N, C-alpha and C. Protein backbone atom coordinates (compact mmCIF):
# COMPACT_ATOMS: atom_id res chain seq x y z
N MET A 1 -23.34 21.85 423.59
CA MET A 1 -24.68 21.93 423.06
C MET A 1 -24.56 21.19 421.98
N ILE A 2 -23.37 20.98 421.44
CA ILE A 2 -23.28 19.96 419.77
C ILE A 2 -23.04 19.10 420.93
N LYS A 3 -22.76 18.53 421.86
CA LYS A 3 -23.06 16.76 421.95
C LYS A 3 -24.78 16.69 422.45
N PHE A 4 -25.06 17.81 423.09
CA PHE A 4 -26.63 17.41 423.14
C PHE A 4 -27.50 16.84 421.76
N PHE A 5 -26.72 17.77 420.66
CA PHE A 5 -27.88 17.74 419.83
C PHE A 5 -27.28 16.42 418.62
N ASN A 6 -25.56 15.90 418.92
CA ASN A 6 -25.47 14.52 418.67
C ASN A 6 -26.00 13.62 419.16
N LEU A 7 -25.99 13.61 420.54
CA LEU A 7 -26.62 12.92 421.21
C LEU A 7 -28.02 12.52 420.81
N LEU A 8 -28.77 13.40 420.40
CA LEU A 8 -30.31 13.21 420.00
C LEU A 8 -30.30 12.94 418.56
N GLY A 9 -29.62 13.60 417.89
CA GLY A 9 -29.47 12.90 415.97
C GLY A 9 -29.55 14.10 415.32
N LEU A 10 -28.80 14.13 414.40
CA LEU A 10 -29.04 15.44 413.42
C LEU A 10 -30.83 15.87 412.82
N ASN A 11 -31.13 14.82 413.18
CA ASN A 11 -33.04 15.72 412.65
C ASN A 11 -33.01 15.72 413.51
N PHE A 12 -32.87 15.48 414.54
CA PHE A 12 -33.53 16.13 416.27
C PHE A 12 -33.20 17.95 416.13
N ALA A 13 -32.01 17.97 415.45
CA ALA A 13 -31.21 18.98 415.48
C ALA A 13 -31.40 19.96 414.81
N ARG A 14 -32.18 19.20 413.66
CA ARG A 14 -32.51 20.61 412.53
C ARG A 14 -34.11 20.43 412.85
N ARG A 15 -34.81 19.91 413.60
CA ARG A 15 -36.22 20.20 414.73
C ARG A 15 -35.95 21.31 414.87
N THR A 16 -35.32 21.52 415.93
CA THR A 16 -34.99 22.60 416.96
C THR A 16 -34.44 23.73 416.03
N ALA A 17 -34.42 23.84 415.08
CA ALA A 17 -34.19 25.09 414.39
C ALA A 17 -35.27 26.46 414.25
N SER A 18 -36.18 26.16 414.25
CA SER A 18 -37.30 27.03 414.63
C SER A 18 -37.21 27.59 416.22
N ILE A 19 -36.74 26.75 417.47
CA ILE A 19 -36.80 27.40 418.50
C ILE A 19 -35.59 28.65 417.74
N PHE A 20 -34.51 28.08 417.41
CA PHE A 20 -33.50 29.07 417.64
C PHE A 20 -33.61 30.10 416.90
N THR A 21 -34.52 30.34 415.69
CA THR A 21 -34.92 31.22 414.21
C THR A 21 -35.95 31.92 415.42
N PHE A 22 -36.47 31.50 416.23
CA PHE A 22 -37.42 32.65 417.24
C PHE A 22 -36.84 33.22 417.72
N ILE A 23 -35.67 32.69 418.91
CA ILE A 23 -34.74 33.58 419.76
C ILE A 23 -33.73 34.42 419.33
N PHE A 24 -32.91 33.61 417.58
CA PHE A 24 -32.51 35.12 417.17
C PHE A 24 -33.07 35.99 416.35
N PHE A 25 -34.20 35.84 416.30
CA PHE A 25 -34.81 36.50 415.37
C PHE A 25 -35.45 37.72 416.49
N TYR A 26 -36.10 37.29 416.84
CA TYR A 26 -37.02 38.48 418.13
C TYR A 26 -36.29 38.68 419.43
N ILE A 27 -35.75 37.76 420.25
CA ILE A 27 -35.29 37.84 421.46
C ILE A 27 -33.57 38.86 421.21
N PHE A 28 -32.91 38.14 420.68
CA PHE A 28 -31.72 39.00 420.43
C PHE A 28 -31.77 38.91 418.66
N PRO A 29 -32.16 39.75 418.07
CA PRO A 29 -32.13 39.91 416.41
C PRO A 29 -31.00 40.21 415.94
N LEU A 30 -30.36 39.36 415.62
CA LEU A 30 -28.71 40.17 415.50
C LEU A 30 -29.02 40.38 413.78
N ARG A 31 -28.48 41.19 413.36
CA ARG A 31 -28.74 41.86 412.32
C ARG A 31 -30.12 41.94 411.42
N LYS A 32 -30.94 41.89 412.12
CA LYS A 32 -32.05 41.35 411.38
C LYS A 32 -32.72 42.99 410.86
N GLU A 33 -32.38 43.98 411.12
CA GLU A 33 -32.55 45.20 410.56
C GLU A 33 -32.02 45.25 409.13
N THR A 34 -30.80 45.17 409.29
CA THR A 34 -30.20 45.05 407.81
C THR A 34 -30.41 43.93 406.55
N VAL A 35 -30.95 42.59 407.57
CA VAL A 35 -31.92 41.35 406.48
C VAL A 35 -32.85 42.25 405.60
N ILE A 36 -33.84 42.76 406.50
CA ILE A 36 -35.08 43.20 406.74
C ILE A 36 -34.87 44.26 405.52
N GLU A 37 -33.84 45.34 405.76
CA GLU A 37 -33.66 46.39 404.46
C GLU A 37 -33.26 45.93 403.26
N ASN A 38 -32.25 44.90 403.22
CA ASN A 38 -31.87 44.24 402.42
C ASN A 38 -32.93 43.45 401.57
N LEU A 39 -33.63 42.82 402.08
CA LEU A 39 -34.66 41.91 401.42
C LEU A 39 -35.58 43.27 400.99
N LYS A 40 -36.14 44.03 400.89
CA LYS A 40 -36.66 45.27 401.03
C LYS A 40 -36.21 45.81 399.61
N ILE A 41 -34.61 46.12 399.58
CA ILE A 41 -34.26 46.27 398.41
C ILE A 41 -33.86 45.28 397.16
N ALA A 42 -34.10 44.35 397.50
CA ALA A 42 -33.68 43.15 396.47
C ALA A 42 -35.50 43.24 396.06
N PHE A 43 -36.63 43.04 397.04
CA PHE A 43 -37.95 42.38 396.30
C PHE A 43 -38.75 43.96 396.56
N PRO A 44 -38.66 44.96 396.03
CA PRO A 44 -39.46 46.17 396.43
C PRO A 44 -40.53 45.94 396.28
N ALA A 45 -41.26 45.24 395.19
CA ALA A 45 -42.84 44.90 394.99
C ALA A 45 -43.63 43.93 396.55
N LYS A 46 -42.52 43.51 397.31
CA LYS A 46 -43.19 42.12 397.75
C LYS A 46 -43.68 43.06 399.46
N PRO A 47 -44.27 42.59 399.85
CA PRO A 47 -44.98 43.05 401.00
C PRO A 47 -44.48 42.91 402.28
N ASP A 48 -43.94 43.55 403.17
CA ASP A 48 -43.75 43.92 404.35
C ASP A 48 -44.08 42.53 404.85
N SER A 49 -44.87 41.54 404.99
CA SER A 49 -45.35 40.25 405.51
C SER A 49 -44.80 39.40 404.78
N GLU A 50 -44.71 39.59 403.53
CA GLU A 50 -44.02 38.63 403.23
C GLU A 50 -42.06 38.45 402.63
N ILE A 51 -41.63 39.79 402.96
CA ILE A 51 -40.02 40.26 403.58
C ILE A 51 -39.64 39.35 404.93
N ILE A 52 -41.04 39.60 405.82
CA ILE A 52 -40.37 39.30 407.26
C ILE A 52 -40.32 37.72 407.21
N THR A 53 -41.33 37.07 406.39
CA THR A 53 -41.24 35.35 406.04
C THR A 53 -40.16 35.16 405.55
N ILE A 54 -40.03 35.99 404.59
CA ILE A 54 -38.46 35.73 403.95
C ILE A 54 -37.28 35.48 404.78
N ALA A 55 -37.19 36.74 405.03
CA ALA A 55 -36.50 37.16 406.68
C ALA A 55 -36.25 35.55 407.82
N LYS A 56 -37.24 35.40 407.95
CA LYS A 56 -37.23 34.05 409.00
C LYS A 56 -36.99 33.07 408.41
N ASN A 57 -37.05 32.70 407.28
CA ASN A 57 -36.58 31.71 406.72
C ASN A 57 -35.23 31.73 406.52
N CYS A 58 -34.58 32.70 405.93
CA CYS A 58 -33.29 32.78 406.11
C CYS A 58 -32.43 32.35 407.40
N TYR A 59 -32.88 33.04 408.57
CA TYR A 59 -32.41 32.74 409.82
C TYR A 59 -32.47 31.27 410.21
N LYS A 60 -33.40 30.53 409.69
CA LYS A 60 -33.57 29.44 409.80
C LYS A 60 -33.07 28.25 408.88
N SER A 61 -32.78 28.44 407.81
CA SER A 61 -31.61 27.99 407.19
C SER A 61 -30.37 27.99 408.01
N PHE A 62 -29.73 29.43 408.14
CA PHE A 62 -28.45 29.68 408.74
C PHE A 62 -28.19 28.47 409.96
N ILE A 63 -29.65 28.95 410.75
CA ILE A 63 -29.29 27.90 411.67
C ILE A 63 -29.28 26.39 411.31
N ILE A 64 -30.01 25.99 410.68
CA ILE A 64 -29.91 24.43 410.45
C ILE A 64 -28.22 24.19 409.82
N THR A 65 -27.98 25.36 408.63
CA THR A 65 -26.63 24.66 408.21
C THR A 65 -25.44 24.86 409.56
N LEU A 66 -25.73 25.58 410.46
CA LEU A 66 -25.10 25.59 412.26
C LEU A 66 -24.98 24.07 412.69
N VAL A 67 -26.08 24.11 412.56
CA VAL A 67 -26.12 22.70 413.24
C VAL A 67 -25.74 21.35 412.54
N GLU A 68 -25.81 21.24 411.61
CA GLU A 68 -24.92 20.30 411.02
C GLU A 68 -23.73 20.53 410.29
N ILE A 69 -23.40 21.95 410.50
CA ILE A 69 -21.83 21.72 410.19
C ILE A 69 -21.44 21.16 411.74
N ALA A 70 -21.61 21.84 412.97
CA ALA A 70 -21.26 21.17 413.68
C ALA A 70 -21.51 19.76 414.13
N CYS A 71 -22.51 18.78 413.96
CA CYS A 71 -23.09 17.16 413.90
C CYS A 71 -21.92 16.71 412.41
N VAL A 72 -21.29 17.30 411.80
CA VAL A 72 -20.50 16.27 410.79
C VAL A 72 -19.80 15.75 411.35
N PRO A 73 -18.24 16.53 411.92
CA PRO A 73 -17.70 15.54 412.38
C PRO A 73 -17.99 14.19 413.79
N TYR A 74 -19.14 14.16 414.11
CA TYR A 74 -19.18 13.08 414.39
C TYR A 74 -20.44 11.93 414.31
N LEU A 75 -20.58 11.94 412.59
CA LEU A 75 -21.11 11.24 412.05
C LEU A 75 -20.08 10.41 411.30
N ASN A 76 -20.69 9.15 410.98
CA ASN A 76 -19.60 8.58 410.66
C ASN A 76 -19.49 8.65 408.30
N ASP A 77 -18.93 8.08 408.10
CA ASP A 77 -18.69 8.31 406.93
C ASP A 77 -20.08 7.55 405.46
N GLU A 78 -20.66 6.77 406.36
CA GLU A 78 -21.89 6.66 405.66
C GLU A 78 -23.27 7.21 405.96
N GLN A 79 -23.08 7.73 406.88
CA GLN A 79 -24.03 8.74 407.14
C GLN A 79 -24.25 10.31 406.51
N THR A 80 -22.82 10.46 406.48
CA THR A 80 -22.64 11.77 405.92
C THR A 80 -22.88 11.44 404.71
N LYS A 81 -22.51 10.67 404.29
CA LYS A 81 -22.84 10.46 402.43
C LYS A 81 -24.65 10.45 402.35
N GLN A 82 -25.25 9.69 403.06
CA GLN A 82 -26.56 9.76 403.19
C GLN A 82 -27.26 11.51 402.80
N LEU A 83 -26.55 12.52 403.45
CA LEU A 83 -26.76 13.70 403.53
C LEU A 83 -27.15 14.57 402.57
N SER A 84 -26.51 14.27 401.29
CA SER A 84 -27.02 15.26 399.72
C SER A 84 -27.20 13.78 399.08
N SER A 85 -27.38 14.31 398.09
CA SER A 85 -28.19 13.21 396.76
C SER A 85 -27.29 13.95 395.46
N ALA A 86 -26.46 13.16 395.43
CA ALA A 86 -25.96 12.87 393.29
C ALA A 86 -26.55 12.32 392.26
N PRO A 87 -27.49 13.29 391.71
CA PRO A 87 -28.13 12.26 390.05
C PRO A 87 -27.22 11.99 389.55
N ASP A 88 -26.37 12.91 389.48
CA ASP A 88 -25.70 12.36 388.20
C ASP A 88 -24.27 12.14 388.23
N LEU A 89 -24.13 11.39 389.72
CA LEU A 89 -22.54 10.64 390.31
C LEU A 89 -21.93 10.03 389.01
N ASP A 90 -22.63 9.46 388.27
CA ASP A 90 -21.89 8.20 387.80
C ASP A 90 -21.06 8.93 386.41
N LYS A 91 -22.01 10.45 386.07
CA LYS A 91 -21.60 11.27 384.86
C LYS A 91 -20.34 12.09 385.65
N ILE A 92 -20.04 12.34 386.97
CA ILE A 92 -19.48 13.44 387.34
C ILE A 92 -18.13 12.44 387.80
N LEU A 93 -18.03 10.59 388.22
CA LEU A 93 -16.92 10.59 387.92
C LEU A 93 -16.81 10.39 386.98
N GLU A 94 -17.29 9.86 385.82
CA GLU A 94 -16.75 9.54 384.22
C GLU A 94 -16.09 10.73 383.96
N MET A 95 -16.65 11.93 384.31
CA MET A 95 -15.62 13.13 383.81
C MET A 95 -14.35 13.35 384.55
N TYR A 96 -14.29 13.15 386.25
CA TYR A 96 -13.21 12.89 387.07
C TYR A 96 -12.43 11.88 386.25
N ASN A 97 -12.63 11.08 386.17
CA ASN A 97 -11.85 9.63 385.85
C ASN A 97 -10.78 10.18 384.47
N GLN A 98 -11.87 11.01 383.76
CA GLN A 98 -10.94 11.16 382.33
C GLN A 98 -9.32 12.12 382.52
N LYS A 99 -9.07 12.73 384.11
CA LYS A 99 -8.02 13.37 384.58
C LYS A 99 -7.64 14.67 383.61
N LYS A 100 -8.31 15.49 383.52
CA LYS A 100 -8.51 16.33 382.31
C LYS A 100 -8.92 17.44 383.24
N GLY A 101 -9.22 17.01 384.46
CA GLY A 101 -9.54 18.31 385.83
C GLY A 101 -11.45 18.50 385.40
N LEU A 102 -11.71 19.13 387.03
CA LEU A 102 -13.06 18.58 386.76
C LEU A 102 -13.46 20.14 387.53
N ILE A 103 -14.16 20.88 387.08
CA ILE A 103 -15.03 22.16 387.86
C ILE A 103 -16.56 21.91 388.14
N LEU A 104 -17.45 21.93 389.73
CA LEU A 104 -18.68 21.94 389.36
C LEU A 104 -19.22 22.82 390.19
N LEU A 105 -20.28 23.44 389.70
CA LEU A 105 -20.79 24.97 390.30
C LEU A 105 -22.21 24.33 391.02
N THR A 106 -22.47 25.38 391.96
CA THR A 106 -23.59 24.77 392.92
C THR A 106 -23.97 26.07 393.16
N ALA A 107 -25.24 26.31 393.30
CA ALA A 107 -25.92 27.52 393.80
C ALA A 107 -25.38 27.82 395.10
N HIS A 108 -25.64 28.44 396.03
CA HIS A 108 -25.51 29.10 397.45
C HIS A 108 -26.83 28.41 397.94
N PHE A 109 -27.27 27.32 397.91
CA PHE A 109 -28.82 26.82 398.72
C PHE A 109 -28.46 26.09 399.54
N GLY A 110 -28.83 25.94 400.87
CA GLY A 110 -28.67 25.48 401.78
C GLY A 110 -27.76 25.03 402.10
N ASN A 111 -27.26 24.02 402.77
CA ASN A 111 -25.86 24.07 403.14
C ASN A 111 -24.73 22.90 402.23
N TRP A 112 -24.18 23.94 401.70
CA TRP A 112 -23.36 23.81 399.81
C TRP A 112 -22.02 23.16 400.17
N GLU A 113 -21.62 23.29 402.23
CA GLU A 113 -20.56 23.13 402.31
C GLU A 113 -20.78 21.32 402.88
N LEU A 114 -21.46 20.81 403.29
CA LEU A 114 -21.80 19.67 403.44
C LEU A 114 -22.17 18.62 401.80
N GLY A 115 -22.91 19.60 401.26
CA GLY A 115 -22.66 18.73 399.72
C GLY A 115 -21.41 18.14 399.36
N ALA A 116 -20.64 19.17 399.37
CA ALA A 116 -18.99 18.89 398.96
C ALA A 116 -18.85 17.88 399.54
N ILE A 117 -18.80 18.14 401.15
CA ILE A 117 -18.12 17.05 402.09
C ILE A 117 -18.95 15.05 401.64
N SER A 118 -20.20 15.56 401.67
CA SER A 118 -20.75 14.43 401.24
C SER A 118 -20.56 13.86 399.67
N LEU A 119 -20.60 14.60 398.79
CA LEU A 119 -19.86 13.82 397.14
C LEU A 119 -18.63 13.70 397.53
N ALA A 120 -17.74 14.49 398.15
CA ALA A 120 -16.27 13.64 398.32
C ALA A 120 -16.19 12.38 398.75
N LEU A 121 -16.90 12.15 399.85
CA LEU A 121 -16.70 10.39 400.30
C LEU A 121 -17.65 9.52 399.09
N LYS A 122 -18.84 10.82 398.49
CA LYS A 122 -19.35 9.11 397.66
C LYS A 122 -18.26 9.09 396.27
N MET A 123 -17.22 9.84 396.14
CA MET A 123 -16.50 9.71 394.90
C MET A 123 -15.15 9.33 395.06
N ASN A 124 -15.10 9.05 396.74
CA ASN A 124 -13.98 8.79 397.10
C ASN A 124 -12.78 9.51 396.34
N VAL A 125 -12.61 10.92 396.64
CA VAL A 125 -11.91 11.60 396.32
C VAL A 125 -11.91 13.09 396.94
N SER A 126 -10.93 14.07 397.05
CA SER A 126 -10.59 14.63 397.62
C SER A 126 -11.89 15.88 396.16
N ILE A 127 -11.91 17.01 397.14
CA ILE A 127 -12.56 17.96 396.73
C ILE A 127 -11.89 19.51 397.37
N ARG A 128 -11.64 20.81 396.40
CA ARG A 128 -11.39 21.60 396.60
C ARG A 128 -12.75 22.42 396.61
N VAL A 129 -12.76 23.60 397.71
CA VAL A 129 -13.89 24.61 397.52
C VAL A 129 -13.09 26.06 397.97
N VAL A 130 -13.74 26.55 396.30
CA VAL A 130 -13.41 28.41 396.60
C VAL A 130 -14.57 29.18 396.85
N GLY A 131 -14.35 30.16 397.45
CA GLY A 131 -14.91 30.68 398.29
C GLY A 131 -14.39 32.10 398.77
N LYS A 132 -15.68 33.15 399.51
CA LYS A 132 -15.08 34.38 399.77
C LYS A 132 -15.20 34.36 401.12
N SER A 133 -13.97 35.14 401.63
CA SER A 133 -14.39 35.26 403.01
C SER A 133 -15.20 36.69 403.56
N GLN A 134 -16.35 36.26 403.87
CA GLN A 134 -17.14 37.31 404.59
C GLN A 134 -17.17 38.43 405.90
N ARG A 135 -17.14 39.78 405.50
CA ARG A 135 -17.67 40.70 406.90
C ARG A 135 -17.72 40.15 408.04
């Protein structure tokens, strides 16, 4: 499957996320009830229809992230650099070059793992990522 995505390209793979979202939301609903229950706790005032929309979007985002991670080893450095933007790259490099250490914080939006890989290539440095294991 991964080789198929790589033959057709990352953009095609991302576009297929809707198909996989449908499969894993309706046909093989992995943790669907837990997701919906948690969203109802987080957003008690939202109607069920909006909760379902948010849940589907969560599934789609997760699937896109998986596809991107699967495709990254097959991309060259230039392609990988193009996968994220860093509007303040000059400031980041300036602070990094002061040799005092640098901590970058990011929200857990989209594929932050891919962002770290892309940024490391743009800066031509190694980046360490701190995270917590999931159950």
